[in-house]
PDB file of N, CA and C in Angstrom:
ATOM      1  N   UNK A   1     -35.986 -84.341  36.109  1.00  0.00           N
ATOM      2  CA  UNK A   1     -34.533 -83.426  35.510  1.00  0.00           C
ATOM      3  C   UNK A   1     -34.507 -81.749  35.929  1.00  0.00           C
ATOM      4  N   UNK A   2     -35.707 -81.609  35.738  1.00  0.00           N
ATOM      5  CA  UNK A   2     -35.672 -80.021  35.928  1.00  0.00           C
ATOM      6  C   UNK A   2     -35.583 -79.429  37.010  1.00  0.00           C
ATOM      7  N   UNK A   3     -35.448 -79.973  38.358  1.00  0.00           N
ATOM      8  CA  UNK A   3     -35.393 -79.643  39.411  1.00  0.00           C
ATOM      9  C   UNK A   3     -33.574 -79.648  39.515  1.00  0.00           C
ATOM     10  N   UNK A   4     -33.174 -80.642  38.885  1.00  0.00           N
ATOM     11  CA  UNK A   4     -31.519 -80.594  38.908  1.00  0.00           C
ATOM     12  C   UNK A   4     -30.979 -79.638  38.491  1.00  0.00           C
ATOM     13  N   UNK A   5     -31.707 -78.821  37.237  1.00  0.00           N
ATOM     14  CA  UNK A   5     -31.154 -77.784  36.491  1.00  0.00           C
ATOM     15  C   UNK A   5     -31.321 -76.468  37.318  1.00  0.00           C
ATOM     16  N   UNK A   6     -32.097 -76.608  38.096  1.00  0.00           N
ATOM     17  CA  UNK A   6     -32.699 -75.411  38.975  1.00  0.00           C
ATOM     18  C   UNK A   6     -31.329 -75.398  39.849  1.00  0.00           C
ATOM     19  N   UNK A   7     -30.987 -76.532  40.668  1.00  0.00           N
ATOM     20  CA  UNK A   7     -29.901 -76.693  41.721  1.00  0.00           C
ATOM     21  C   UNK A   7     -29.038 -75.915  41.009  1.00  0.00           C
ATOM     22  N   UNK A   8     -28.516 -76.678  39.902  1.00  0.00           N
ATOM     23  CA  UNK A   8     -27.418 -76.415  39.305  1.00  0.00           C
ATOM     24  C   UNK A   8     -27.229 -74.746  38.546  1.00  0.00           C
ATOM     25  N   UNK A   9     -28.448 -74.047  38.682  1.00  0.00           N
ATOM     26  CA  UNK A   9     -28.210 -72.907  38.079  1.00  0.00           C
ATOM     27  C   UNK A   9     -27.735 -71.963  39.236  1.00  0.00           C
ATOM     28  N   UNK A  10     -28.078 -72.390  40.797  1.00  0.00           N
ATOM     29  CA  UNK A  10     -27.840 -71.724  41.727  1.00  0.00           C
ATOM     30  C   UNK A  10     -26.491 -71.795  42.214  1.00  0.00           C
ATOM     31  N   UNK A  11     -25.948 -73.182  41.830  1.00  0.00           N
ATOM     32  CA  UNK A  11     -24.811 -73.258  42.391  1.00  0.00           C
ATOM     33  C   UNK A  11     -23.511 -73.177  41.298  1.00  0.00           C
ATOM     34  N   UNK A  12     -23.725 -73.414  40.127  1.00  0.00           N
ATOM     35  CA  UNK A  12     -22.763 -73.223  39.066  1.00  0.00           C
ATOM     36  C   UNK A  12     -23.398 -72.692  37.763  1.00  0.00           C
ATOM     37  N   UNK A  13     -23.827 -71.620  37.640  1.00  0.00           N
ATOM     38  CA  UNK A  13     -25.205 -71.158  36.335  1.00  0.00           C
ATOM     39  C   UNK A  13     -24.461 -71.715  35.036  1.00  0.00           C
ATOM     40  N   UNK A  14     -23.172 -71.627  34.867  1.00  0.00           N
ATOM     41  CA  UNK A  14     -22.705 -72.054  33.451  1.00  0.00           C
ATOM     42  C   UNK A  14     -23.318 -73.917  33.157  1.00  0.00           C
ATOM     43  N   UNK A  15     -23.175 -74.231  33.991  1.00  0.00           N
ATOM     44  CA  UNK A  15     -23.561 -75.999  33.887  1.00  0.00           C
ATOM     45  C   UNK A  15     -24.561 -76.141  33.691  1.00  0.00           C
ATOM     46  N   UNK A  16     -25.768 -75.213  34.309  1.00  0.00           N
ATOM     47  CA  UNK A  16     -26.925 -75.317  34.072  1.00  0.00           C
ATOM     48  C   UNK A  16     -27.472 -75.437  32.419  1.00  0.00           C
ATOM     49  N   UNK A  17     -26.630 -74.461  31.411  1.00  0.00           N
ATOM     50  CA  UNK A  17     -27.105 -74.141  30.115  1.00  0.00           C
ATOM     51  C   UNK A  17     -26.236 -74.710  29.269  1.00  0.00           C
ATOM     52  N   UNK A  18     -25.603 -76.004  29.721  1.00  0.00           N
ATOM     53  CA  UNK A  18     -24.791 -76.704  28.979  1.00  0.00           C
ATOM     54  C   UNK A  18     -25.334 -77.414  27.800  1.00  0.00           C
ATOM     55  N   UNK A  19     -26.521 -77.612  27.479  1.00  0.00           N
ATOM     56  CA  UNK A  19     -27.097 -77.725  26.502  1.00  0.00           C
ATOM     57  C   UNK A  19     -27.380 -76.658  25.450  1.00  0.00           C
ATOM     58  N   UNK A  20     -26.824 -75.715  25.864  1.00  0.00           N
ATOM     59  CA  UNK A  20     -27.210 -74.578  24.677  1.00  0.00           C
ATOM     60  C   UNK A  20     -25.867 -74.310  23.954  1.00  0.00           C
ATOM     61  N   UNK A  21     -26.123 -73.124  22.804  1.00  0.00           N
ATOM     62  CA  UNK A  21     -24.944 -72.894  22.221  1.00  0.00           C
ATOM     63  C   UNK A  21     -23.522 -72.627  23.178  1.00  0.00           C
ATOM     64  N   UNK A  22     -22.399 -72.612  22.448  1.00  0.00           N
ATOM     65  CA  UNK A  22     -21.367 -72.001  22.857  1.00  0.00           C
ATOM     66  C   UNK A  22     -21.486 -70.619  23.575  1.00  0.00           C
ATOM     67  N   UNK A  23     -21.874 -69.961  22.348  1.00  0.00           N
ATOM     68  CA  UNK A  23     -21.861 -68.537  22.909  1.00  0.00           C
ATOM     69  C   UNK A  23     -22.829 -68.261  24.287  1.00  0.00           C
ATOM     70  N   UNK A  24     -23.849 -68.846  24.506  1.00  0.00           N
ATOM     71  CA  UNK A  24     -24.749 -68.774  25.455  1.00  0.00           C
ATOM     72  C   UNK A  24     -23.710 -69.204  26.626  1.00  0.00           C
ATOM     73  N   UNK A  25     -23.350 -69.930  27.065  1.00  0.00           N
ATOM     74  CA  UNK A  25     -22.264 -70.731  28.107  1.00  0.00           C
ATOM     75  C   UNK A  25     -21.425 -69.703  28.297  1.00  0.00           C
ATOM     76  N   UNK A  26     -20.824 -69.161  27.439  1.00  0.00           N
ATOM     77  CA  UNK A  26     -19.767 -67.948  27.357  1.00  0.00           C
ATOM     78  C   UNK A  26     -20.340 -67.251  28.109  1.00  0.00           C
ATOM     79  N   UNK A  27     -21.703 -66.620  27.932  1.00  0.00           N
ATOM     80  CA  UNK A  27     -22.150 -65.342  28.265  1.00  0.00           C
ATOM     81  C   UNK A  27     -22.517 -65.638  29.619  1.00  0.00           C
ATOM     82  N   UNK A  28     -23.055 -66.391  30.030  1.00  0.00           N
ATOM     83  CA  UNK A  28     -23.321 -67.007  31.748  1.00  0.00           C
ATOM     84  C   UNK A  28     -22.237 -67.124  32.280  1.00  0.00           C
ATOM     85  N   UNK A  29     -21.132 -67.540  31.770  1.00  0.00           N
ATOM     86  CA  UNK A  29     -19.848 -67.725  32.375  1.00  0.00           C
ATOM     87  C   UNK A  29     -19.466 -66.248  33.042  1.00  0.00           C
ATOM     88  N   UNK A  30     -19.316 -65.325  31.528  1.00  0.00           N
ATOM     89  CA  UNK A  30     -18.362 -63.770  31.964  1.00  0.00           C
ATOM     90  C   UNK A  30     -19.831 -63.286  32.998  1.00  0.00           C
ATOM     91  N   UNK A  31     -20.979 -63.636  32.764  1.00  0.00           N
ATOM     92  CA  UNK A  31     -21.935 -62.548  33.910  1.00  0.00           C
ATOM     93  C   UNK A  31     -22.003 -63.336  35.435  1.00  0.00           C
ATOM     94  N   UNK A  32     -21.366 -64.824  35.306  1.00  0.00           N
ATOM     95  CA  UNK A  32     -21.226 -65.260  36.709  1.00  0.00           C
ATOM     96  C   UNK A  32     -19.515 -64.826  37.106  1.00  0.00           C
ATOM     97  N   UNK A  33     -18.839 -64.338  36.431  1.00  0.00           N
ATOM     98  CA  UNK A  33     -17.488 -64.170  36.790  1.00  0.00           C
ATOM     99  C   UNK A  33     -17.655 -62.629  37.321  1.00  0.00           C
ATOM    100  N   UNK A  34     -18.434 -61.607  36.878  1.00  0.00           N
ATOM    101  CA  UNK A  34     -18.659 -60.605  37.044  1.00  0.00           C
ATOM    102  C   UNK A  34     -19.758 -60.152  38.450  1.00  0.00           C
ATOM    103  N   UNK A  35     -20.341 -61.307  38.972  1.00  0.00           N
ATOM    104  CA  UNK A  35     -20.941 -61.432  40.088  1.00  0.00           C
ATOM    105  C   UNK A  35     -21.844 -62.714  39.917  1.00  0.00           C
ATOM    106  N   UNK A  36     -22.301 -63.598  41.263  1.00  0.00           N
ATOM    107  CA  UNK A  36     -22.925 -64.768  41.197  1.00  0.00           C
ATOM    108  C   UNK A  36     -24.497 -64.426  40.800  1.00  0.00           C
ATOM    109  N   UNK A  37     -24.989 -63.199  40.987  1.00  0.00           N
ATOM    110  CA  UNK A  37     -26.163 -62.950  41.278  1.00  0.00           C
ATOM    111  C   UNK A  37     -26.644 -62.923  39.290  1.00  0.00           C
ATOM    112  N   UNK A  38     -25.983 -61.951  38.581  1.00  0.00           N
ATOM    113  CA  UNK A  38     -26.126 -62.109  37.251  1.00  0.00           C
ATOM    114  C   UNK A  38     -25.913 -63.320  36.580  1.00  0.00           C
ATOM    115  N   UNK A  39     -25.223 -63.897  37.013  1.00  0.00           N
ATOM    116  CA  UNK A  39     -24.967 -65.540  36.217  1.00  0.00           C
ATOM    117  C   UNK A  39     -26.124 -66.435  36.538  1.00  0.00           C
ATOM    118  N   UNK A  40     -26.916 -66.107  37.844  1.00  0.00           N
ATOM    119  CA  UNK A  40     -27.892 -66.884  38.331  1.00  0.00           C
ATOM    120  C   UNK A  40     -29.014 -66.553  37.550  1.00  0.00           C
ATOM    121  N   UNK A  41     -29.388 -65.476  37.423  1.00  0.00           N
ATOM    122  CA  UNK A  41     -30.342 -64.765  36.797  1.00  0.00           C
ATOM    123  C   UNK A  41     -30.608 -65.201  35.264  1.00  0.00           C
ATOM    124  N   UNK A  42     -29.062 -64.932  34.575  1.00  0.00           N
ATOM    125  CA  UNK A  42     -29.062 -65.519  33.276  1.00  0.00           C
ATOM    126  C   UNK A  42     -29.471 -67.026  32.862  1.00  0.00           C
ATOM    127  N   UNK A  43     -28.956 -67.712  33.712  1.00  0.00           N
ATOM    128  CA  UNK A  43     -29.075 -69.247  33.835  1.00  0.00           C
ATOM    129  C   UNK A  43     -30.735 -69.360  33.840  1.00  0.00           C
ATOM    130  N   UNK A  44     -31.174 -68.716  34.726  1.00  0.00           N
ATOM    131  CA  UNK A  44     -32.462 -69.170  35.192  1.00  0.00           C
ATOM    132  C   UNK A  44     -33.548 -68.685  34.219  1.00  0.00           C
ATOM    133  N   UNK A  45     -33.415 -67.329  33.515  1.00  0.00           N
ATOM    134  CA  UNK A  45     -33.979 -67.044  32.721  1.00  0.00           C
ATOM    135  C   UNK A  45     -33.999 -67.723  31.227  1.00  0.00           C
ATOM    136  N   UNK A  46     -33.020 -68.282  30.969  1.00  0.00           N
ATOM    137  CA  UNK A  46     -32.643 -69.203  29.946  1.00  0.00           C
ATOM    138  C   UNK A  46     -33.270 -70.881  29.866  1.00  0.00           C
ATOM    139  N   UNK A  47     -33.170 -71.163  31.240  1.00  0.00           N
ATOM    140  CA  UNK A  47     -34.194 -72.612  31.802  1.00  0.00           C
ATOM    141  C   UNK A  47     -35.581 -72.040  31.591  1.00  0.00           C
ATOM    142  N   UNK A  48     -36.183 -71.175  32.017  1.00  0.00           N
ATOM    143  CA  UNK A  48     -37.575 -70.770  31.825  1.00  0.00           C
ATOM    144  C   UNK A  48     -38.011 -70.473  30.189  1.00  0.00           C
ATOM    145  N   UNK A  49     -36.841 -70.006  29.532  1.00  0.00           N
ATOM    146  CA  UNK A  49     -37.207 -69.617  28.063  1.00  0.00           C
ATOM    147  C   UNK A  49     -37.713 -70.889  27.388  1.00  0.00           C
ATOM    148  N   UNK A  50     -36.691 -71.843  27.751  1.00  0.00           N
ATOM    149  CA  UNK A  50     -36.449 -73.256  27.055  1.00  0.00           C
ATOM    150  C   UNK A  50     -37.773 -74.329  27.447  1.00  0.00           C
ATOM    151  N   UNK A  51     -37.868 -73.848  28.984  1.00  0.00           N
ATOM    152  CA  UNK A  51     -39.161 -74.648  29.330  1.00  0.00           C
ATOM    153  C   UNK A  51     -40.403 -74.159  28.326  1.00  0.00           C
ATOM    154  N   UNK A  52     -40.688 -72.713  28.189  1.00  0.00           N
ATOM    155  CA  UNK A  52     -42.013 -72.139  27.283  1.00  0.00           C
ATOM    156  C   UNK A  52     -41.735 -72.775  25.992  1.00  0.00           C
ATOM    157  N   UNK A  53     -40.305 -72.802  25.446  1.00  0.00           N
ATOM    158  CA  UNK A  53     -40.598 -73.388  23.857  1.00  0.00           C
ATOM    159  C   UNK A  53     -41.079 -74.813  23.943  1.00  0.00           C
ATOM    160  N   UNK A  54     -40.974 -75.501  24.821  1.00  0.00           N
ATOM    161  CA  UNK A  54     -41.098 -76.912  24.523  1.00  0.00           C
ATOM    162  C   UNK A  54     -42.917 -77.156  25.150  1.00  0.00           C
ATOM    163  N   UNK A  55     -43.186 -76.073  26.111  1.00  0.00           N
ATOM    164  CA  UNK A  55     -44.589 -76.132  26.501  1.00  0.00           C
ATOM    165  C   UNK A  55     -45.635 -76.183  25.047  1.00  0.00           C
ATOM    166  N   UNK A  56     -44.883 -74.632  24.588  1.00  0.00           N
ATOM    167  CA  UNK A  56     -45.568 -74.054  23.517  1.00  0.00           C
ATOM    168  C   UNK A  56     -45.787 -74.814  21.836  1.00  0.00           C
TER     169      UNK A  56
END
């Protein structure tokens, strides 16, 4: 499932963080509206942070 979230983060960043809180989804959506790259970076950052929490 991880590869699907990475692909989704590049295509539609807010959809990649749908399992997070509403504020996180809105922040990612706002960054995506301001520019595609900031939304992708934010989504990837949140995916990596979530993976670190599950590993540790």
